[in-house]
Amino acid sequence: MMRLIKSFGYAWNGIKTCISTESNFRIHISLSILVIIAGCFLNINPLEWIMIFVSIGFVLCMEMLNTAVEKLCDLVHKEIHPIIKTVKDIAAGAVMLSTFIAIICGAIIFIPKIYFLIKSMNLL
């Protein structure tokens, strides 16, 4: 039981480190909060909430993995190295791809709701 508690502590330390040191992680969290507020305002359904939270979790996890890869690469090879650059670029690409997927999911959920909201206000 103590090992389990310690492992949660290590995981929490990793999250705190990303929040305190990684500006991109803070940007993703800020945007996630805005999406959650929009979801509350637009009254999205339970399945849409699942998609939103899976998308948010996917992006945040990819950002954390990217950070871990970058830190490890910097430890292994301090100078610029073509293979290290490739590894870092691939990890950054994974974050970008996960973000694009999240944006597409958000667009599928929010655009129709925003459209009908604007239409109901006779603004179109």
N, C-alpha and C. Protein backbone atom coordinates (compact mmCIF):
# COMPACT_ATOMS: atom_id res chain seq x y z
N MET A 1 0.83 -1.20 0.00
CA MET A 1 0.00 0.00 0.00
C MET A 1 0.87 1.26 0.00
N MET A 2 1.97 1.23 0.74
CA MET A 2 2.85 2.39 0.82
C MET A 2 3.49 2.68 -0.54
N ARG A 3 3.84 1.60 -1.29
CA ARG A 3 4.42 1.79 -2.62
C ARG A 3 3.43 2.47 -3.55
N LEU A 4 2.16 2.11 -3.42
CA LEU A 4 1.12 2.71 -4.25
C LEU A 4 0.99 4.20 -3.94
N ILE A 5 1.00 4.54 -2.68
CA ILE A 5 0.91 5.94 -2.26
C ILE A 5 2.11 6.72 -2.78
N LYS A 6 3.32 6.12 -2.67
CA LYS A 6 4.52 6.78 -3.18
C LYS A 6 4.44 6.98 -4.68
N SER A 7 3.91 6.00 -5.42
CA SER A 7 3.84 6.13 -6.87
C SER A 7 2.89 7.26 -7.27
N PHE A 8 1.80 7.44 -6.52
CA PHE A 8 0.92 8.57 -6.77
C PHE A 8 1.65 9.89 -6.50
N GLY A 9 2.48 9.90 -5.47
CA GLY A 9 3.27 11.09 -5.16
C GLY A 9 4.24 11.43 -6.28
N TYR A 10 4.91 10.41 -6.83
CA TYR A 10 5.82 10.65 -7.94
C TYR A 10 5.07 11.19 -9.16
N ALA A 11 3.92 10.61 -9.43
CA ALA A 11 3.11 11.06 -10.57
C ALA A 11 2.66 12.51 -10.37
N TRP A 12 2.22 12.83 -9.16
CA TRP A 12 1.79 14.20 -8.86
C TRP A 12 2.96 15.17 -9.01
N ASN A 13 4.15 14.75 -8.59
CA ASN A 13 5.34 15.60 -8.77
C ASN A 13 5.60 15.88 -10.24
N GLY A 14 5.38 14.88 -11.10
CA GLY A 14 5.55 15.07 -12.53
C GLY A 14 4.57 16.08 -13.08
N ILE A 15 3.33 16.00 -12.65
CA ILE A 15 2.32 16.96 -13.09
C ILE A 15 2.68 18.36 -12.61
N LYS A 16 3.07 18.49 -11.33
CA LYS A 16 3.46 19.79 -10.80
C LYS A 16 4.65 20.38 -11.55
N THR A 17 5.62 19.52 -11.88
CA THR A 17 6.78 19.98 -12.63
C THR A 17 6.37 20.53 -13.99
N CYS A 18 5.50 19.83 -14.68
CA CYS A 18 5.05 20.32 -15.99
C CYS A 18 4.29 21.64 -15.85
N ILE A 19 3.45 21.75 -14.84
CA ILE A 19 2.70 22.99 -14.64
C ILE A 19 3.66 24.14 -14.34
N SER A 20 4.65 23.90 -13.51
CA SER A 20 5.52 25.00 -13.07
C SER A 20 6.62 25.35 -14.06
N THR A 21 6.99 24.42 -14.94
CA THR A 21 8.15 24.68 -15.80
C THR A 21 7.83 24.75 -17.29
N GLU A 22 6.69 24.25 -17.71
CA GLU A 22 6.40 24.14 -19.15
C GLU A 22 5.28 25.08 -19.56
N SER A 23 5.63 26.14 -20.28
CA SER A 23 4.62 27.13 -20.68
C SER A 23 3.58 26.53 -21.62
N ASN A 24 3.99 25.63 -22.50
CA ASN A 24 3.02 25.00 -23.40
C ASN A 24 2.00 24.19 -22.63
N PHE A 25 2.42 23.52 -21.57
CA PHE A 25 1.50 22.75 -20.73
C PHE A 25 0.48 23.69 -20.09
N ARG A 26 0.94 24.84 -19.60
CA ARG A 26 0.03 25.82 -19.00
C ARG A 26 -0.94 26.38 -20.04
N ILE A 27 -0.47 26.57 -21.26
CA ILE A 27 -1.36 27.03 -22.34
C ILE A 27 -2.44 25.99 -22.60
N HIS A 28 -2.03 24.72 -22.68
CA HIS A 28 -3.01 23.64 -22.91
C HIS A 28 -4.03 23.57 -21.77
N ILE A 29 -3.58 23.74 -20.54
CA ILE A 29 -4.51 23.72 -19.40
C ILE A 29 -5.46 24.90 -19.48
N SER A 30 -4.95 26.08 -19.80
CA SER A 30 -5.80 27.27 -19.90
C SER A 30 -6.87 27.09 -20.97
N LEU A 31 -6.46 26.59 -22.13
CA LEU A 31 -7.42 26.35 -23.21
C LEU A 31 -8.43 25.26 -22.82
N SER A 32 -7.97 24.26 -22.09
CA SER A 32 -8.87 23.20 -21.62
C SER A 32 -9.94 23.77 -20.70
N ILE A 33 -9.54 24.67 -19.82
CA ILE A 33 -10.51 25.30 -18.91
C ILE A 33 -11.55 26.09 -19.71
N LEU A 34 -11.10 26.81 -20.74
CA LEU A 34 -12.03 27.56 -21.59
C LEU A 34 -13.00 26.62 -22.31
N VAL A 35 -12.50 25.49 -22.79
CA VAL A 35 -13.36 24.51 -23.46
C VAL A 35 -14.39 23.95 -22.48
N ILE A 36 -13.97 23.67 -21.26
CA ILE A 36 -14.90 23.15 -20.25
C ILE A 36 -15.97 24.19 -19.94
N ILE A 37 -15.59 25.44 -19.81
CA ILE A 37 -16.56 26.52 -19.58
C ILE A 37 -17.54 26.61 -20.75
N ALA A 38 -17.01 26.54 -21.97
CA ALA A 38 -17.87 26.58 -23.15
C ALA A 38 -18.83 25.39 -23.16
N GLY A 39 -18.33 24.22 -22.76
CA GLY A 39 -19.19 23.04 -22.70
C GLY A 39 -20.33 23.21 -21.70
N CYS A 40 -20.04 23.83 -20.58
CA CYS A 40 -21.09 24.11 -19.58
C CYS A 40 -22.10 25.11 -20.14
N PHE A 41 -21.60 26.15 -20.77
CA PHE A 41 -22.46 27.20 -21.32
C PHE A 41 -23.35 26.66 -22.44
N LEU A 42 -22.79 25.80 -23.29
CA LEU A 42 -23.53 25.27 -24.43
C LEU A 42 -24.26 23.97 -24.12
N ASN A 43 -24.19 23.53 -22.87
CA ASN A 43 -24.96 22.37 -22.40
C ASN A 43 -24.72 21.13 -23.26
N ILE A 44 -23.45 20.74 -23.40
CA ILE A 44 -23.15 19.56 -24.21
C ILE A 44 -23.61 18.29 -23.49
N ASN A 45 -23.87 17.25 -24.27
CA ASN A 45 -24.41 16.01 -23.70
C ASN A 45 -23.29 15.12 -23.14
N PRO A 46 -23.65 14.06 -22.41
CA PRO A 46 -22.62 13.21 -21.79
C PRO A 46 -21.60 12.61 -22.77
N LEU A 47 -22.04 12.19 -23.93
CA LEU A 47 -21.09 11.63 -24.91
C LEU A 47 -20.12 12.71 -25.39
N GLU A 48 -20.62 13.92 -25.57
CA GLU A 48 -19.74 15.03 -25.97
C GLU A 48 -18.75 15.35 -24.86
N TRP A 49 -19.20 15.28 -23.60
CA TRP A 49 -18.27 15.50 -22.47
C TRP A 49 -17.16 14.45 -22.49
N ILE A 50 -17.53 13.21 -22.78
CA ILE A 50 -16.52 12.15 -22.84
C ILE A 50 -15.48 12.50 -23.90
N MET A 51 -15.95 12.91 -25.09
CA MET A 51 -15.02 13.26 -26.17
C MET A 51 -14.14 14.44 -25.78
N ILE A 52 -14.72 15.42 -25.11
CA ILE A 52 -13.93 16.59 -24.68
C ILE A 52 -12.85 16.17 -23.69
N PHE A 53 -13.22 15.38 -22.68
CA PHE A 53 -12.25 15.00 -21.66
C PHE A 53 -11.20 14.02 -22.20
N VAL A 54 -11.58 13.13 -23.12
CA VAL A 54 -10.59 12.26 -23.75
C VAL A 54 -9.61 13.09 -24.57
N SER A 55 -10.14 14.07 -25.30
CA SER A 55 -9.27 14.94 -26.11
C SER A 55 -8.32 15.75 -25.23
N ILE A 56 -8.86 16.33 -24.16
CA ILE A 56 -8.01 17.11 -23.24
C ILE A 56 -6.94 16.21 -22.63
N GLY A 57 -7.35 15.05 -22.15
CA GLY A 57 -6.39 14.13 -21.54
C GLY A 57 -5.33 13.68 -22.52
N PHE A 58 -5.74 13.42 -23.75
CA PHE A 58 -4.80 13.00 -24.80
C PHE A 58 -3.74 14.08 -25.04
N VAL A 59 -4.17 15.31 -25.19
CA VAL A 59 -3.22 16.41 -25.45
C VAL A 59 -2.29 16.62 -24.25
N LEU A 60 -2.85 16.66 -23.05
CA LEU A 60 -2.01 16.88 -21.86
C LEU A 60 -1.01 15.74 -21.66
N CYS A 61 -1.44 14.51 -21.88
CA CYS A 61 -0.52 13.37 -21.76
C CYS A 61 0.59 13.45 -22.80
N MET A 62 0.23 13.80 -24.03
CA MET A 62 1.25 13.92 -25.07
C MET A 62 2.23 15.04 -24.74
N GLU A 63 1.74 16.13 -24.20
CA GLU A 63 2.63 17.24 -23.81
C GLU A 63 3.59 16.80 -22.71
N MET A 64 3.09 16.02 -21.76
CA MET A 64 3.96 15.53 -20.68
C MET A 64 5.00 14.54 -21.22
N LEU A 65 4.57 13.66 -22.12
CA LEU A 65 5.53 12.72 -22.72
C LEU A 65 6.58 13.47 -23.55
N ASN A 66 6.16 14.49 -24.28
CA ASN A 66 7.10 15.31 -25.04
C ASN A 66 8.12 15.95 -24.10
N THR A 67 7.65 16.47 -22.99
CA THR A 67 8.55 17.09 -22.01
C THR A 67 9.55 16.06 -21.48
N ALA A 68 9.06 14.87 -21.16
CA ALA A 68 9.94 13.82 -20.64
C ALA A 68 10.99 13.43 -21.67
N VAL A 69 10.58 13.29 -22.93
CA VAL A 69 11.53 12.94 -24.00
C VAL A 69 12.58 14.04 -24.15
N GLU A 70 12.14 15.29 -24.15
CA GLU A 70 13.09 16.40 -24.29
C GLU A 70 14.09 16.43 -23.15
N LYS A 71 13.60 16.26 -21.92
CA LYS A 71 14.50 16.28 -20.76
C LYS A 71 15.52 15.14 -20.84
N LEU A 72 15.05 13.95 -21.22
CA LEU A 72 15.94 12.81 -21.33
C LEU A 72 16.97 13.03 -22.44
N CYS A 73 16.53 13.54 -23.57
CA CYS A 73 17.46 13.82 -24.68
C CYS A 73 18.52 14.84 -24.27
N ASP A 74 18.08 15.88 -23.54
CA ASP A 74 19.04 16.89 -23.09
C ASP A 74 20.06 16.30 -22.12
N LEU A 75 19.63 15.35 -21.31
CA LEU A 75 20.55 14.70 -20.38
C LEU A 75 21.54 13.80 -21.12
N VAL A 76 21.05 13.07 -22.11
CA VAL A 76 21.88 12.11 -22.83
C VAL A 76 22.90 12.81 -23.72
N HIS A 77 22.47 13.90 -24.37
CA HIS A 77 23.36 14.54 -25.34
C HIS A 77 23.13 16.04 -25.29
N LYS A 78 24.02 16.76 -24.64
CA LYS A 78 23.85 18.20 -24.43
C LYS A 78 24.04 19.03 -25.71
N GLU A 79 24.91 18.57 -26.60
CA GLU A 79 25.14 19.30 -27.83
C GLU A 79 24.06 18.96 -28.85
N ILE A 80 24.00 19.77 -29.91
CA ILE A 80 23.05 19.49 -30.99
C ILE A 80 23.50 18.22 -31.71
N HIS A 81 22.57 17.30 -31.85
CA HIS A 81 22.86 16.03 -32.51
C HIS A 81 21.69 15.70 -33.44
N PRO A 82 21.97 15.28 -34.66
CA PRO A 82 20.88 15.07 -35.62
C PRO A 82 19.83 14.03 -35.17
N ILE A 83 20.25 12.97 -34.53
CA ILE A 83 19.29 11.96 -34.08
C ILE A 83 18.46 12.48 -32.91
N ILE A 84 19.11 13.19 -31.98
CA ILE A 84 18.37 13.79 -30.86
C ILE A 84 17.35 14.79 -31.40
N LYS A 85 17.76 15.59 -32.39
CA LYS A 85 16.84 16.55 -33.00
C LYS A 85 15.64 15.83 -33.60
N THR A 86 15.88 14.74 -34.29
CA THR A 86 14.80 13.96 -34.89
C THR A 86 13.85 13.43 -33.81
N VAL A 87 14.41 12.89 -32.74
CA VAL A 87 13.58 12.36 -31.64
C VAL A 87 12.72 13.47 -31.05
N LYS A 88 13.32 14.63 -30.79
CA LYS A 88 12.56 15.76 -30.23
C LYS A 88 11.48 16.24 -31.20
N ASP A 89 11.82 16.30 -32.49
CA ASP A 89 10.84 16.73 -33.50
C ASP A 89 9.66 15.77 -33.57
N ILE A 90 9.94 14.47 -33.50
CA ILE A 90 8.86 13.48 -33.54
C ILE A 90 7.96 13.63 -32.31
N ALA A 91 8.56 13.81 -31.14
CA ALA A 91 7.77 13.98 -29.92
C ALA A 91 6.92 15.26 -30.00
N ALA A 92 7.50 16.33 -30.52
CA ALA A 92 6.74 17.58 -30.68
C ALA A 92 5.63 17.38 -31.71
N GLY A 93 5.91 16.63 -32.75
CA GLY A 93 4.89 16.33 -33.76
C GLY A 93 3.72 15.56 -33.18
N ALA A 94 4.00 14.67 -32.24
CA ALA A 94 2.94 13.92 -31.58
C ALA A 94 2.01 14.85 -30.80
N VAL A 95 2.60 15.85 -30.15
CA VAL A 95 1.77 16.84 -29.43
C VAL A 95 0.92 17.62 -30.43
N MET A 96 1.54 18.05 -31.52
CA MET A 96 0.80 18.82 -32.51
C MET A 96 -0.34 18.00 -33.12
N LEU A 97 -0.07 16.75 -33.44
CA LEU A 97 -1.11 15.89 -34.01
C LEU A 97 -2.25 15.68 -33.02
N SER A 98 -1.92 15.44 -31.75
CA SER A 98 -2.97 15.25 -30.74
C SER A 98 -3.79 16.53 -30.58
N THR A 99 -3.14 17.68 -30.70
CA THR A 99 -3.85 18.95 -30.60
C THR A 99 -4.79 19.14 -31.79
N PHE A 100 -4.33 18.82 -32.99
CA PHE A 100 -5.19 18.92 -34.17
C PHE A 100 -6.41 18.01 -34.03
N ILE A 101 -6.20 16.80 -33.55
CA ILE A 101 -7.31 15.86 -33.35
C ILE A 101 -8.30 16.44 -32.33
N ALA A 102 -7.79 17.02 -31.25
CA ALA A 102 -8.65 17.64 -30.23
C ALA A 102 -9.44 18.81 -30.81
N ILE A 103 -8.78 19.61 -31.65
CA ILE A 103 -9.47 20.74 -32.29
C ILE A 103 -10.59 20.24 -33.19
N ILE A 104 -10.34 19.19 -33.95
CA ILE A 104 -11.38 18.63 -34.83
C ILE A 104 -12.56 18.12 -33.99
N CYS A 105 -12.26 17.40 -32.91
CA CYS A 105 -13.33 16.91 -32.03
C CYS A 105 -14.12 18.09 -31.46
N GLY A 106 -13.42 19.12 -31.01
CA GLY A 106 -14.09 20.30 -30.47
C GLY A 106 -14.94 20.99 -31.52
N ALA A 107 -14.43 21.08 -32.73
CA ALA A 107 -15.19 21.72 -33.81
C ALA A 107 -16.47 20.94 -34.11
N ILE A 108 -16.36 19.62 -34.15
CA ILE A 108 -17.54 18.78 -34.42
C ILE A 108 -18.60 18.99 -33.33
N ILE A 109 -18.17 19.15 -32.10
CA ILE A 109 -19.11 19.33 -30.98
C ILE A 109 -19.63 20.76 -30.92
N PHE A 110 -18.74 21.75 -31.03
CA PHE A 110 -19.13 23.13 -30.72
C PHE A 110 -19.69 23.92 -31.90
N ILE A 111 -19.21 23.69 -33.10
CA ILE A 111 -19.67 24.52 -34.23
C ILE A 111 -21.18 24.44 -34.43
N PRO A 112 -21.78 23.24 -34.45
CA PRO A 112 -23.24 23.20 -34.61
C PRO A 112 -23.98 23.91 -33.47
N LYS A 113 -23.49 23.76 -32.25
CA LYS A 113 -24.15 24.39 -31.10
C LYS A 113 -24.04 25.92 -31.18
N ILE A 114 -22.88 26.40 -31.57
CA ILE A 114 -22.69 27.85 -31.71
C ILE A 114 -23.55 28.38 -32.86
N TYR A 115 -23.60 27.62 -33.95
CA TYR A 115 -24.43 28.01 -35.09
C TYR A 115 -25.90 28.15 -34.67
N PHE A 116 -26.43 27.13 -33.99
CA PHE A 116 -27.84 27.18 -33.58
C PHE A 116 -28.08 28.25 -32.53
N LEU A 117 -27.12 28.51 -31.69
CA LEU A 117 -27.25 29.60 -30.71
C LEU A 117 -27.35 30.94 -31.42
N ILE A 118 -26.45 31.17 -32.37
CA ILE A 118 -26.48 32.42 -33.13
C ILE A 118 -27.77 32.54 -33.93
N LYS A 119 -28.19 31.42 -34.53
CA LYS A 119 -29.43 31.42 -35.33
C LYS A 119 -30.63 31.71 -34.44
N SER A 120 -30.65 31.15 -33.24
CA SER A 120 -31.78 31.36 -32.33
C SER A 120 -31.85 32.81 -31.83
N MET A 121 -30.73 33.50 -31.89
CA MET A 121 -30.70 34.90 -31.48
C MET A 121 -30.97 35.82 -32.67
N ASN A 122 -31.33 35.21 -33.82
CA ASN A 122 -31.63 35.94 -35.05
C ASN A 122 -30.45 36.81 -35.50
N LEU A 123 -29.25 36.33 -35.30
CA LEU A 123 -28.06 37.06 -35.73
C LEU A 123 -27.60 36.62 -37.11
N LEU A 124 -28.24 35.56 -37.63
CA LEU A 124 -27.90 35.08 -38.99
C LEU A 124 -29.07 35.31 -39.92
